[in-house]
Amino acid sequence: MDPTTTRRETEIEDEAFAGASDDEADEERDDLSEQKLEELLTQAIECFADEGEMPCAHIRTFEDAGVLTMNRGLVLQLGATEFQLTIVRSR
């Protein structure tokens, strides 16, 4: 495990690839889509908020929020503050 990886990040990754053989899990990691990363980030942020590490967050996908873009991403609202996280696969 990478020393910068938290226990919760490892749990989320394990949950995402549970039930797959080692070869299948390696292949899925190589073929991680923008949509799958969007789902994993949503889960991670929700877990982080549930543990009381940050204020309650409202998370929507770009599509659900009506963001006019062809990219995938998340709109994260923390009280009156809003962030847009764009997900673009570079390779």
N, C-alpha and C. Protein backbone atom coordinates (compact mmCIF):
# COMPACT_ATOMS: atom_id res chain seq x y z
N MET A 1 0.85 -1.18 0.00
CA MET A 1 0.00 0.00 0.00
C MET A 1 0.89 1.24 0.00
N ASP A 2 0.54 2.19 -0.83
CA ASP A 2 1.24 3.47 -0.92
C ASP A 2 1.08 4.19 0.41
N PRO A 3 2.17 4.73 0.99
CA PRO A 3 2.08 5.37 2.30
C PRO A 3 1.14 6.58 2.32
N THR A 4 0.85 7.17 1.17
CA THR A 4 -0.06 8.32 1.13
C THR A 4 -1.52 7.89 1.00
N THR A 5 -1.76 6.60 0.83
CA THR A 5 -3.12 6.08 0.70
C THR A 5 -3.71 5.86 2.08
N THR A 6 -4.88 6.41 2.31
CA THR A 6 -5.53 6.24 3.60
C THR A 6 -6.24 4.90 3.65
N ARG A 7 -6.57 4.49 4.85
CA ARG A 7 -7.28 3.23 5.04
C ARG A 7 -8.61 3.26 4.29
N ARG A 8 -9.33 4.37 4.34
CA ARG A 8 -10.64 4.47 3.69
C ARG A 8 -10.49 4.40 2.17
N GLU A 9 -9.46 5.01 1.61
CA GLU A 9 -9.23 4.93 0.17
C GLU A 9 -9.02 3.48 -0.26
N THR A 10 -8.27 2.75 0.57
CA THR A 10 -8.02 1.34 0.28
C THR A 10 -9.32 0.55 0.35
N GLU A 11 -10.16 0.83 1.35
CA GLU A 11 -11.44 0.13 1.48
C GLU A 11 -12.34 0.41 0.28
N ILE A 12 -12.37 1.65 -0.18
CA ILE A 12 -13.20 2.00 -1.32
C ILE A 12 -12.72 1.28 -2.57
N GLU A 13 -11.41 1.25 -2.77
CA GLU A 13 -10.85 0.54 -3.92
C GLU A 13 -11.17 -0.95 -3.84
N ASP A 14 -11.03 -1.53 -2.65
CA ASP A 14 -11.34 -2.95 -2.47
C ASP A 14 -12.81 -3.23 -2.77
N GLU A 15 -13.70 -2.35 -2.32
CA GLU A 15 -15.13 -2.53 -2.58
C GLU A 15 -15.42 -2.45 -4.07
N ALA A 16 -14.75 -1.54 -4.76
CA ALA A 16 -15.00 -1.34 -6.18
C ALA A 16 -14.61 -2.56 -7.01
N PHE A 17 -13.60 -3.28 -6.55
CA PHE A 17 -13.10 -4.40 -7.32
C PHE A 17 -13.38 -5.74 -6.65
N ALA A 18 -14.26 -5.75 -5.64
CA ALA A 18 -14.59 -6.99 -4.93
C ALA A 18 -15.23 -7.99 -5.88
N GLY A 19 -14.88 -9.25 -5.70
CA GLY A 19 -15.46 -10.30 -6.51
C GLY A 19 -14.70 -10.58 -7.79
N ALA A 20 -13.81 -9.72 -8.18
CA ALA A 20 -13.04 -9.94 -9.40
C ALA A 20 -11.74 -10.66 -9.07
N SER A 21 -11.30 -11.50 -9.99
CA SER A 21 -10.01 -12.17 -9.79
C SER A 21 -8.91 -11.13 -9.88
N ASP A 22 -7.69 -11.50 -9.49
CA ASP A 22 -6.58 -10.54 -9.54
C ASP A 22 -6.37 -10.01 -10.96
N ASP A 23 -6.43 -10.90 -11.95
CA ASP A 23 -6.26 -10.47 -13.34
C ASP A 23 -7.38 -9.53 -13.77
N GLU A 24 -8.62 -9.86 -13.39
CA GLU A 24 -9.75 -9.01 -13.73
C GLU A 24 -9.64 -7.65 -13.04
N ALA A 25 -9.22 -7.65 -11.78
CA ALA A 25 -9.08 -6.39 -11.03
C ALA A 25 -8.01 -5.52 -11.67
N ASP A 26 -6.88 -6.11 -12.06
CA ASP A 26 -5.82 -5.35 -12.73
C ASP A 26 -6.33 -4.75 -14.03
N GLU A 27 -7.09 -5.55 -14.79
CA GLU A 27 -7.63 -5.08 -16.05
C GLU A 27 -8.62 -3.94 -15.83
N GLU A 28 -9.47 -4.06 -14.81
CA GLU A 28 -10.44 -3.01 -14.52
C GLU A 28 -9.74 -1.72 -14.09
N ARG A 29 -8.67 -1.83 -13.33
CA ARG A 29 -7.94 -0.63 -12.92
C ARG A 29 -7.36 0.07 -14.14
N ASP A 30 -6.87 -0.72 -15.12
CA ASP A 30 -6.32 -0.14 -16.34
C ASP A 30 -7.40 0.52 -17.19
N ASP A 31 -8.62 0.00 -17.13
CA ASP A 31 -9.72 0.49 -17.95
C ASP A 31 -10.69 1.35 -17.16
N LEU A 32 -10.23 2.01 -16.13
CA LEU A 32 -11.09 2.86 -15.30
C LEU A 32 -11.65 3.98 -16.16
N SER A 33 -12.95 4.05 -16.24
CA SER A 33 -13.60 5.07 -17.06
C SER A 33 -13.85 6.34 -16.24
N GLU A 34 -14.17 7.41 -16.95
CA GLU A 34 -14.51 8.65 -16.26
C GLU A 34 -15.74 8.45 -15.39
N GLN A 35 -16.70 7.68 -15.88
CA GLN A 35 -17.92 7.43 -15.11
C GLN A 35 -17.62 6.67 -13.83
N LYS A 36 -16.77 5.65 -13.91
CA LYS A 36 -16.42 4.87 -12.72
C LYS A 36 -15.67 5.75 -11.72
N LEU A 37 -14.76 6.57 -12.20
CA LEU A 37 -14.03 7.47 -11.30
C LEU A 37 -14.99 8.47 -10.65
N GLU A 38 -15.96 8.94 -11.41
CA GLU A 38 -16.98 9.84 -10.88
C GLU A 38 -17.73 9.16 -9.72
N GLU A 39 -18.09 7.89 -9.90
CA GLU A 39 -18.78 7.13 -8.86
C GLU A 39 -17.89 6.92 -7.64
N LEU A 40 -16.62 6.58 -7.87
CA LEU A 40 -15.69 6.36 -6.76
C LEU A 40 -15.46 7.64 -5.96
N LEU A 41 -15.29 8.76 -6.66
CA LEU A 41 -15.10 10.04 -5.97
C LEU A 41 -16.33 10.43 -5.15
N THR A 42 -17.51 10.18 -5.70
CA THR A 42 -18.74 10.46 -4.97
C THR A 42 -18.79 9.65 -3.68
N GLN A 43 -18.49 8.35 -3.79
CA GLN A 43 -18.48 7.49 -2.60
C GLN A 43 -17.45 7.97 -1.58
N ALA A 44 -16.27 8.32 -2.05
CA ALA A 44 -15.20 8.75 -1.14
C ALA A 44 -15.58 10.04 -0.42
N ILE A 45 -16.14 10.99 -1.14
CA ILE A 45 -16.54 12.26 -0.53
C ILE A 45 -17.66 12.04 0.48
N GLU A 46 -18.64 11.20 0.12
CA GLU A 46 -19.74 10.91 1.03
C GLU A 46 -19.24 10.23 2.30
N CYS A 47 -18.32 9.28 2.17
CA CYS A 47 -17.76 8.59 3.35
C CYS A 47 -16.99 9.57 4.22
N PHE A 48 -16.21 10.44 3.60
CA PHE A 48 -15.44 11.45 4.33
C PHE A 48 -16.37 12.37 5.10
N ALA A 49 -17.47 12.78 4.47
CA ALA A 49 -18.45 13.65 5.14
C ALA A 49 -19.15 12.91 6.27
N ASP A 50 -19.48 11.63 6.05
CA ASP A 50 -20.15 10.83 7.07
C ASP A 50 -19.30 10.65 8.32
N GLU A 51 -17.98 10.65 8.15
CA GLU A 51 -17.08 10.48 9.29
C GLU A 51 -16.87 11.79 10.04
N GLY A 52 -17.56 12.85 9.61
CA GLY A 52 -17.47 14.13 10.30
C GLY A 52 -16.23 14.93 9.98
N GLU A 53 -15.53 14.54 8.91
CA GLU A 53 -14.30 15.24 8.54
C GLU A 53 -14.55 16.54 7.78
N MET A 54 -15.78 16.73 7.32
CA MET A 54 -16.12 17.94 6.58
C MET A 54 -17.61 18.19 6.73
N PRO A 55 -18.05 19.41 6.45
CA PRO A 55 -19.49 19.69 6.54
C PRO A 55 -20.27 18.81 5.56
N CYS A 56 -21.54 18.67 5.82
CA CYS A 56 -22.41 17.88 4.95
C CYS A 56 -22.31 18.42 3.52
N ALA A 57 -22.06 17.53 2.61
CA ALA A 57 -21.87 17.91 1.22
C ALA A 57 -23.04 17.43 0.37
N HIS A 58 -23.41 18.25 -0.58
CA HIS A 58 -24.41 17.86 -1.58
C HIS A 58 -23.64 17.65 -2.88
N ILE A 59 -23.72 16.44 -3.44
CA ILE A 59 -22.93 16.09 -4.61
C ILE A 59 -23.87 15.72 -5.75
N ARG A 60 -23.62 16.32 -6.91
CA ARG A 60 -24.37 15.98 -8.13
C ARG A 60 -23.38 15.82 -9.27
N THR A 61 -23.73 14.98 -10.23
CA THR A 61 -22.91 14.88 -11.43
C THR A 61 -23.14 16.13 -12.28
N PHE A 62 -22.22 16.39 -13.20
CA PHE A 62 -22.41 17.52 -14.12
C PHE A 62 -23.74 17.36 -14.85
N GLU A 63 -24.02 16.13 -15.29
CA GLU A 63 -25.26 15.88 -16.03
C GLU A 63 -26.48 16.22 -15.18
N ASP A 64 -26.50 15.74 -13.93
CA ASP A 64 -27.64 16.01 -13.04
C ASP A 64 -27.77 17.49 -12.70
N ALA A 65 -26.63 18.19 -12.62
CA ALA A 65 -26.64 19.62 -12.27
C ALA A 65 -26.90 20.51 -13.49
N GLY A 66 -26.94 19.92 -14.68
CA GLY A 66 -27.19 20.70 -15.89
C GLY A 66 -25.99 21.51 -16.36
N VAL A 67 -24.78 21.08 -15.99
CA VAL A 67 -23.57 21.77 -16.43
C VAL A 67 -23.39 21.49 -17.93
N LEU A 68 -23.25 22.54 -18.72
CA LEU A 68 -23.14 22.39 -20.16
C LEU A 68 -21.70 22.09 -20.56
N THR A 69 -21.37 20.82 -20.57
CA THR A 69 -20.04 20.37 -20.96
C THR A 69 -20.14 18.94 -21.45
N MET A 70 -19.17 18.52 -22.23
CA MET A 70 -19.11 17.13 -22.68
C MET A 70 -18.29 16.29 -21.69
N ASN A 71 -17.63 16.95 -20.73
CA ASN A 71 -16.82 16.25 -19.74
C ASN A 71 -17.69 15.67 -18.64
N ARG A 72 -17.15 14.68 -17.96
CA ARG A 72 -17.80 14.15 -16.76
C ARG A 72 -17.24 14.94 -15.59
N GLY A 73 -18.00 14.97 -14.50
CA GLY A 73 -17.51 15.66 -13.33
C GLY A 73 -18.57 15.75 -12.26
N LEU A 74 -18.20 16.39 -11.17
CA LEU A 74 -19.08 16.52 -10.01
C LEU A 74 -19.21 17.98 -9.60
N VAL A 75 -20.39 18.33 -9.13
CA VAL A 75 -20.63 19.63 -8.50
C VAL A 75 -20.77 19.34 -7.02
N LEU A 76 -19.91 19.93 -6.22
CA LEU A 76 -19.85 19.69 -4.79
C LEU A 76 -20.25 20.97 -4.06
N GLN A 77 -21.33 20.91 -3.28
CA GLN A 77 -21.78 22.07 -2.52
C GLN A 77 -21.54 21.83 -1.04
N LEU A 78 -20.83 22.76 -0.42
CA LEU A 78 -20.57 22.75 1.02
C LEU A 78 -21.12 24.05 1.57
N GLY A 79 -22.34 24.02 2.06
CA GLY A 79 -22.98 25.25 2.51
C GLY A 79 -23.17 26.18 1.33
N ALA A 80 -22.66 27.40 1.43
CA ALA A 80 -22.80 28.38 0.35
C ALA A 80 -21.68 28.27 -0.69
N THR A 81 -20.72 27.38 -0.45
CA THR A 81 -19.58 27.23 -1.35
C THR A 81 -19.84 26.10 -2.34
N GLU A 82 -19.49 26.33 -3.59
CA GLU A 82 -19.67 25.30 -4.62
C GLU A 82 -18.36 25.09 -5.38
N PHE A 83 -18.04 23.83 -5.63
CA PHE A 83 -16.88 23.45 -6.41
C PHE A 83 -17.33 22.59 -7.57
N GLN A 84 -16.61 22.70 -8.69
CA GLN A 84 -16.83 21.80 -9.82
C GLN A 84 -15.55 21.01 -10.03
N LEU A 85 -15.68 19.69 -9.98
CA LEU A 85 -14.54 18.80 -10.19
C LEU A 85 -14.69 18.16 -11.56
N THR A 86 -13.84 18.53 -12.49
CA THR A 86 -13.90 17.99 -13.85
C THR A 86 -13.02 16.76 -13.95
N ILE A 87 -13.55 15.72 -14.59
CA ILE A 87 -12.81 14.47 -14.77
C ILE A 87 -12.51 14.31 -16.26
N VAL A 88 -11.23 14.36 -16.61
CA VAL A 88 -10.80 14.21 -17.99
C VAL A 88 -9.71 13.15 -18.02
N ARG A 89 -9.93 12.10 -18.79
CA ARG A 89 -8.93 11.04 -18.91
C ARG A 89 -7.83 11.53 -19.85
N SER A 90 -6.59 11.47 -19.39
CA SER A 90 -5.48 11.95 -20.21
C SER A 90 -4.78 10.83 -20.97
N ARG A 91 -4.98 9.60 -20.57
CA ARG A 91 -4.39 8.45 -21.30
C ARG A 91 -5.37 7.33 -21.36
